[in-house]
Amino acid sequence: MRPGEVFLAKAILLFWRCERGQDLVEYSLLLAFVCLAGAALFIGMRDTTSSLWGTVNNRLAANNQAS
């Protein structure tokens, strides 16, 4: 092998064994999971929140007319 080929082979092997970016990937996947779970909860609570605000609005309007 020529010196350039040896250097390239060593560089590829070093890149393959390097684990410095592994933490970044793991944290990115964790953040993506948290965001998706939050979005699912937000969408799931839409009906509950809507009915709660409707009840509050109706009661406030009824109390306003009684005054």
PDB file of N, CA and C in Angstrom:
ATOM      1  N   MET A   1       0.841  -1.192   0.000  1.00  0.00           N
ATOM      2  CA  MET A   1       0.000   0.000   0.000  1.00  0.00           C
ATOM      3  C   MET A   1       0.875   1.240   0.000  1.00  0.00           C
ATOM      4  N   ARG A   2       0.388   2.260  -0.689  1.00  0.00           N
ATOM      5  CA  ARG A   2       1.117   3.525  -0.713  1.00  0.00           C
ATOM      6  C   ARG A   2       0.798   4.313   0.551  1.00  0.00           C
ATOM      7  N   PRO A   3       1.629   5.289   0.900  1.00  0.00           N
ATOM      8  CA  PRO A   3       1.401   6.054   2.132  1.00  0.00           C
ATOM      9  C   PRO A   3       0.040   6.757   2.157  1.00  0.00           C
ATOM     10  N   GLY A   4      -0.412   7.258   1.025  1.00  0.00           N
ATOM     11  CA  GLY A   4      -1.711   7.921   0.980  1.00  0.00           C
ATOM     12  C   GLY A   4      -2.856   6.965   1.268  1.00  0.00           C
ATOM     13  N   GLU A   5      -2.743   5.745   0.777  1.00  0.00           N
ATOM     14  CA  GLU A   5      -3.777   4.741   1.019  1.00  0.00           C
ATOM     15  C   GLU A   5      -3.814   4.311   2.480  1.00  0.00           C
ATOM     16  N   VAL A   6      -2.643   4.228   3.097  1.00  0.00           N
ATOM     17  CA  VAL A   6      -2.576   3.872   4.517  1.00  0.00           C
ATOM     18  C   VAL A   6      -3.227   4.964   5.357  1.00  0.00           C
ATOM     19  N   PHE A   7      -2.926   6.224   5.024  1.00  0.00           N
ATOM     20  CA  PHE A   7      -3.516   7.339   5.758  1.00  0.00           C
ATOM     21  C   PHE A   7      -5.031   7.336   5.624  1.00  0.00           C
ATOM     22  N   LEU A   8      -5.529   7.090   4.413  1.00  0.00           N
ATOM     23  CA  LEU A   8      -6.972   7.060   4.175  1.00  0.00           C
ATOM     24  C   LEU A   8      -7.620   5.914   4.936  1.00  0.00           C
ATOM     25  N   ALA A   9      -6.995   4.761   4.939  1.00  0.00           N
ATOM     26  CA  ALA A   9      -7.538   3.607   5.666  1.00  0.00           C
ATOM     27  C   ALA A   9      -7.583   3.887   7.167  1.00  0.00           C
ATOM     28  N   LYS A  10      -6.535   4.506   7.698  1.00  0.00           N
ATOM     29  CA  LYS A  10      -6.510   4.844   9.126  1.00  0.00           C
ATOM     30  C   LYS A  10      -7.565   5.894   9.451  1.00  0.00           C
ATOM     31  N   ALA A  11      -7.753   6.870   8.576  1.00  0.00           N
ATOM     32  CA  ALA A  11      -8.752   7.916   8.799  1.00  0.00           C
ATOM     33  C   ALA A  11     -10.161   7.325   8.807  1.00  0.00           C
ATOM     34  N   ILE A  12     -10.442   6.420   7.889  1.00  0.00           N
ATOM     35  CA  ILE A  12     -11.760   5.787   7.838  1.00  0.00           C
ATOM     36  C   ILE A  12     -11.987   4.931   9.081  1.00  0.00           C
ATOM     37  N   LEU A  13     -10.968   4.195   9.506  1.00  0.00           N
ATOM     38  CA  LEU A  13     -11.079   3.365  10.703  1.00  0.00           C
ATOM     39  C   LEU A  13     -11.292   4.228  11.940  1.00  0.00           C
ATOM     40  N   LEU A  14     -10.588   5.343  12.038  1.00  0.00           N
ATOM     41  CA  LEU A  14     -10.753   6.248  13.174  1.00  0.00           C
ATOM     42  C   LEU A  14     -12.153   6.854  13.183  1.00  0.00           C
ATOM     43  N   PHE A  15     -12.637   7.242  12.018  1.00  0.00           N
ATOM     44  CA  PHE A  15     -13.987   7.800  11.914  1.00  0.00           C
ATOM     45  C   PHE A  15     -15.033   6.763  12.322  1.00  0.00           C
ATOM     46  N   TRP A  16     -14.824   5.520  11.951  1.00  0.00           N
ATOM     47  CA  TRP A  16     -15.770   4.461  12.251  1.00  0.00           C
ATOM     48  C   TRP A  16     -15.832   4.171  13.748  1.00  0.00           C
ATOM     49  N   ARG A  17     -14.707   4.283  14.438  1.00  0.00           N
ATOM     50  CA  ARG A  17     -14.647   3.975  15.867  1.00  0.00           C
ATOM     51  C   ARG A  17     -14.972   5.171  16.755  1.00  0.00           C
ATOM     52  N   CYS A  18     -15.025   6.357  16.187  1.00  0.00           N
ATOM     53  CA  CYS A  18     -15.271   7.565  16.964  1.00  0.00           C
ATOM     54  C   CYS A  18     -16.697   7.563  17.496  1.00  0.00           C
ATOM     55  N   GLU A  19     -16.859   7.857  18.789  1.00  0.00           N
ATOM     56  CA  GLU A  19     -18.172   7.862  19.414  1.00  0.00           C
ATOM     57  C   GLU A  19     -18.527   9.232  19.971  1.00  0.00           C
ATOM     58  N   ARG A  20     -17.857  10.267  19.549  1.00  0.00           N
ATOM     59  CA  ARG A  20     -18.121  11.595  20.095  1.00  0.00           C
ATOM     60  C   ARG A  20     -19.512  12.095  19.748  1.00  0.00           C
ATOM     61  N   GLY A  21     -20.027  11.766  18.608  1.00  0.00           N
ATOM     62  CA  GLY A  21     -21.336  12.244  18.184  1.00  0.00           C
ATOM     63  C   GLY A  21     -22.493  11.393  18.687  1.00  0.00           C
ATOM     64  N   GLN A  22     -22.187  10.293  19.355  1.00  0.00           N
ATOM     65  CA  GLN A  22     -23.228   9.386  19.814  1.00  0.00           C
ATOM     66  C   GLN A  22     -24.142  10.065  20.833  1.00  0.00           C
ATOM     67  N   ASP A  23     -23.604  10.829  21.753  1.00  0.00           N
ATOM     68  CA  ASP A  23     -24.422  11.514  22.752  1.00  0.00           C
ATOM     69  C   ASP A  23     -25.378  12.500  22.093  1.00  0.00           C
ATOM     70  N   LEU A  24     -24.898  13.217  21.101  1.00  0.00           N
ATOM     71  CA  LEU A  24     -25.744  14.183  20.407  1.00  0.00           C
ATOM     72  C   LEU A  24     -26.920  13.493  19.735  1.00  0.00           C
ATOM     73  N   VAL A  25     -26.686  12.360  19.127  1.00  0.00           N
ATOM     74  CA  VAL A  25     -27.762  11.615  18.471  1.00  0.00           C
ATOM     75  C   VAL A  25     -28.761  11.114  19.505  1.00  0.00           C
ATOM     76  N   GLU A  26     -28.258  10.599  20.625  1.00  0.00           N
ATOM     77  CA  GLU A  26     -29.158  10.087  21.660  1.00  0.00           C
ATOM     78  C   GLU A  26     -30.019  11.201  22.247  1.00  0.00           C
ATOM     79  N   TYR A  27     -29.427  12.342  22.537  1.00  0.00           N
ATOM     80  CA  TYR A  27     -30.196  13.452  23.075  1.00  0.00           C
ATOM     81  C   TYR A  27     -31.187  13.999  22.052  1.00  0.00           C
ATOM     82  N   SER A  28     -30.817  13.995  20.798  1.00  0.00           N
ATOM     83  CA  SER A  28     -31.740  14.442  19.748  1.00  0.00           C
ATOM     84  C   SER A  28     -32.942  13.511  19.647  1.00  0.00           C
ATOM     85  N   LEU A  29     -32.703  12.213  19.732  1.00  0.00           N
ATOM     86  CA  LEU A  29     -33.814  11.256  19.697  1.00  0.00           C
ATOM     87  C   LEU A  29     -34.712  11.408  20.919  1.00  0.00           C
ATOM     88  N   LEU A  30     -34.111  11.643  22.080  1.00  0.00           N
ATOM     89  CA  LEU A  30     -34.895  11.849  23.294  1.00  0.00           C
ATOM     90  C   LEU A  30     -35.739  13.114  23.189  1.00  0.00           C
ATOM     91  N   LEU A  31     -35.158  14.186  22.674  1.00  0.00           N
ATOM     92  CA  LEU A  31     -35.897  15.427  22.492  1.00  0.00           C
ATOM     93  C   LEU A  31     -37.049  15.248  21.503  1.00  0.00           C
ATOM     94  N   ALA A  32     -36.816  14.521  20.432  1.00  0.00           N
ATOM     95  CA  ALA A  32     -37.870  14.258  19.451  1.00  0.00           C
ATOM     96  C   ALA A  32     -39.012  13.465  20.093  1.00  0.00           C
ATOM     97  N   PHE A  33     -38.678  12.480  20.933  1.00  0.00           N
ATOM     98  CA  PHE A  33     -39.700  11.700  21.622  1.00  0.00           C
ATOM     99  C   PHE A  33     -40.522  12.573  22.560  1.00  0.00           C
ATOM    100  N   VAL A  34     -39.868  13.441  23.310  1.00  0.00           N
ATOM    101  CA  VAL A  34     -40.573  14.323  24.238  1.00  0.00           C
ATOM    102  C   VAL A  34     -41.496  15.270  23.463  1.00  0.00           C
ATOM    103  N   CYS A  35     -41.024  15.804  22.354  1.00  0.00           N
ATOM    104  CA  CYS A  35     -41.855  16.698  21.535  1.00  0.00           C
ATOM    105  C   CYS A  35     -43.078  15.969  20.972  1.00  0.00           C
ATOM    106  N   LEU A  36     -42.885  14.762  20.497  1.00  0.00           N
ATOM    107  CA  LEU A  36     -44.012  13.999  19.956  1.00  0.00           C
ATOM    108  C   LEU A  36     -45.012  13.630  21.051  1.00  0.00           C
ATOM    109  N   ALA A  37     -44.510  13.272  22.221  1.00  0.00           N
ATOM    110  CA  ALA A  37     -45.406  12.947  23.328  1.00  0.00           C
ATOM    111  C   ALA A  37     -46.193  14.188  23.758  1.00  0.00           C
ATOM    112  N   GLY A  38     -45.532  15.340  23.810  1.00  0.00           N
ATOM    113  CA  GLY A  38     -46.221  16.581  24.157  1.00  0.00           C
ATOM    114  C   GLY A  38     -47.280  16.947  23.137  1.00  0.00           C
ATOM    115  N   ALA A  39     -46.977  16.774  21.869  1.00  0.00           N
ATOM    116  CA  ALA A  39     -47.957  17.063  20.819  1.00  0.00           C
ATOM    117  C   ALA A  39     -49.150  16.116  20.915  1.00  0.00           C
ATOM    118  N   ALA A  40     -48.899  14.851  21.213  1.00  0.00           N
ATOM    119  CA  ALA A  40     -49.997  13.888  21.349  1.00  0.00           C
ATOM    120  C   ALA A  40     -50.886  14.250  22.529  1.00  0.00           C
ATOM    121  N   LEU A  41     -50.290  14.661  23.641  1.00  0.00           N
ATOM    122  CA  LEU A  41     -51.080  15.075  24.797  1.00  0.00           C
ATOM    123  C   LEU A  41     -51.882  16.333  24.491  1.00  0.00           C
ATOM    124  N   PHE A  42     -51.274  17.262  23.797  1.00  0.00           N
ATOM    125  CA  PHE A  42     -51.949  18.510  23.437  1.00  0.00           C
ATOM    126  C   PHE A  42     -53.162  18.232  22.553  1.00  0.00           C
ATOM    127  N   ILE A  43     -52.996  17.360  21.574  1.00  0.00           N
ATOM    128  CA  ILE A  43     -54.094  17.014  20.676  1.00  0.00           C
ATOM    129  C   ILE A  43     -55.164  16.225  21.428  1.00  0.00           C
ATOM    130  N   GLY A  44     -54.739  15.339  22.323  1.00  0.00           N
ATOM    131  CA  GLY A  44     -55.685  14.535  23.082  1.00  0.00           C
ATOM    132  C   GLY A  44     -56.511  15.348  24.057  1.00  0.00           C
ATOM    133  N   MET A  45     -55.972  16.432  24.567  1.00  0.00           N
ATOM    134  CA  MET A  45     -56.682  17.256  25.542  1.00  0.00           C
ATOM    135  C   MET A  45     -57.502  18.359  24.884  1.00  0.00           C
ATOM    136  N   ARG A  46     -57.531  18.408  23.567  1.00  0.00           N
ATOM    137  CA  ARG A  46     -58.235  19.474  22.858  1.00  0.00           C
ATOM    138  C   ARG A  46     -59.709  19.520  23.225  1.00  0.00           C
ATOM    139  N   ASP A  47     -60.381  18.368  23.226  1.00  0.00           N
ATOM    140  CA  ASP A  47     -61.818  18.334  23.521  1.00  0.00           C
ATOM    141  C   ASP A  47     -62.096  18.721  24.968  1.00  0.00           C
ATOM    142  N   THR A  48     -61.267  18.246  25.885  1.00  0.00           N
ATOM    143  CA  THR A  48     -61.448  18.569  27.298  1.00  0.00           C
ATOM    144  C   THR A  48     -61.286  20.060  27.538  1.00  0.00           C
ATOM    145  N   THR A  49     -60.253  20.634  26.956  1.00  0.00           N
ATOM    146  CA  THR A  49     -60.002  22.063  27.125  1.00  0.00           C
ATOM    147  C   THR A  49     -61.120  22.887  26.496  1.00  0.00           C
ATOM    148  N   SER A  50     -61.580  22.465  25.352  1.00  0.00           N
ATOM    149  CA  SER A  50     -62.655  23.184  24.666  1.00  0.00           C
ATOM    150  C   SER A  50     -63.940  23.165  25.494  1.00  0.00           C
ATOM    151  N   SER A  51     -64.271  22.020  26.052  1.00  0.00           N
ATOM    152  CA  SER A  51     -65.501  21.949  26.859  1.00  0.00           C
ATOM    153  C   SER A  51     -65.349  22.735  28.151  1.00  0.00           C
ATOM    154  N   LEU A  52     -64.166  22.751  28.722  1.00  0.00           N
ATOM    155  CA  LEU A  52     -63.931  23.527  29.946  1.00  0.00           C
ATOM    156  C   LEU A  52     -64.123  25.022  29.687  1.00  0.00           C
ATOM    157  N   TRP A  53     -63.537  25.529  28.597  1.00  0.00           N
ATOM    158  CA  TRP A  53     -63.700  26.949  28.271  1.00  0.00           C
ATOM    159  C   TRP A  53     -65.145  27.270  27.911  1.00  0.00           C
ATOM    160  N   GLY A  54     -65.854  26.342  27.287  1.00  0.00           N
ATOM    161  CA  GLY A  54     -67.262  26.551  26.968  1.00  0.00           C
ATOM    162  C   GLY A  54     -68.105  26.665  28.228  1.00  0.00           C
ATOM    163  N   THR A  55     -67.841  25.807  29.209  1.00  0.00           N
ATOM    164  CA  THR A  55     -68.562  25.860  30.481  1.00  0.00           C
ATOM    165  C   THR A  55     -68.308  27.170  31.207  1.00  0.00           C
ATOM    166  N   VAL A  56     -67.044  27.577  31.265  1.00  0.00           N
ATOM    167  CA  VAL A  56     -66.693  28.838  31.924  1.00  0.00           C
ATOM    168  C   VAL A  56     -67.368  30.011  31.224  1.00  0.00           C
ATOM    169  N   ASN A  57     -67.352  30.015  29.910  1.00  0.00           N
ATOM    170  CA  ASN A  57     -67.964  31.098  29.145  1.00  0.00           C
ATOM    171  C   ASN A  57     -69.474  31.163  29.389  1.00  0.00           C
ATOM    172  N   ASN A  58     -70.127  30.007  29.399  1.00  0.00           N
ATOM    173  CA  ASN A  58     -71.573  29.983  29.641  1.00  0.00           C
ATOM    174  C   ASN A  58     -71.927  30.486  31.044  1.00  0.00           C
ATOM    175  N   ARG A  59     -71.173  30.086  32.033  1.00  0.00           N
ATOM    176  CA  ARG A  59     -71.442  30.514  33.405  1.00  0.00           C
ATOM    177  C   ARG A  59     -71.198  32.016  33.579  1.00  0.00           C
ATOM    178  N   LEU A  60     -70.147  32.510  32.959  1.00  0.00           N
ATOM    179  CA  LEU A  60     -69.884  33.942  33.036  1.00  0.00           C
ATOM    180  C   LEU A  60     -70.991  34.748  32.341  1.00  0.00           C
ATOM    181  N   ALA A  61     -71.439  34.265  31.210  1.00  0.00           N
ATOM    182  CA  ALA A  61     -72.523  34.954  30.493  1.00  0.00           C
ATOM    183  C   ALA A  61     -73.820  34.916  31.302  1.00  0.00           C
ATOM    184  N   ALA A  62     -74.119  33.786  31.959  1.00  0.00           N
ATOM    185  CA  ALA A  62     -75.330  33.667  32.771  1.00  0.00           C
ATOM    186  C   ALA A  62     -75.267  34.600  33.981  1.00  0.00           C
ATOM    187  N   ASN A  63     -74.101  34.695  34.604  1.00  0.00           N
ATOM    188  CA  ASN A  63     -73.949  35.585  35.752  1.00  0.00           C
ATOM    189  C   ASN A  63     -73.992  37.055  35.333  1.00  0.00           C
ATOM    190  N   ASN A  64     -73.543  37.338  34.151  1.00  0.00           N
ATOM    191  CA  ASN A  64     -73.578  38.707  33.631  1.00  0.00           C
ATOM    192  C   ASN A  64     -75.021  39.155  33.400  1.00  0.00           C
ATOM    193  N   GLN A  65     -75.855  38.280  32.889  1.00  0.00           N
ATOM    194  CA  GLN A  65     -77.246  38.625  32.616  1.00  0.00           C
ATOM    195  C   GLN A  65     -78.064  38.714  33.896  1.00  0.00           C
ATOM    196  N   ALA A  66     -77.695  37.944  34.910  1.00  0.00           N
ATOM    197  CA  ALA A  66     -78.431  37.956  36.188  1.00  0.00           C
ATOM    198  C   ALA A  66     -78.161  39.224  36.959  1.00  0.00           C
ATOM    199  N   SER A  67     -77.055  39.873  36.743  1.00  0.00           N
ATOM    200  CA  SER A  67     -76.690  41.061  37.512  1.00  0.00           C
ATOM    201  C   SER A  67     -77.484  42.255  37.147  1.00  0.00           C
TER     202      SER A  67
END
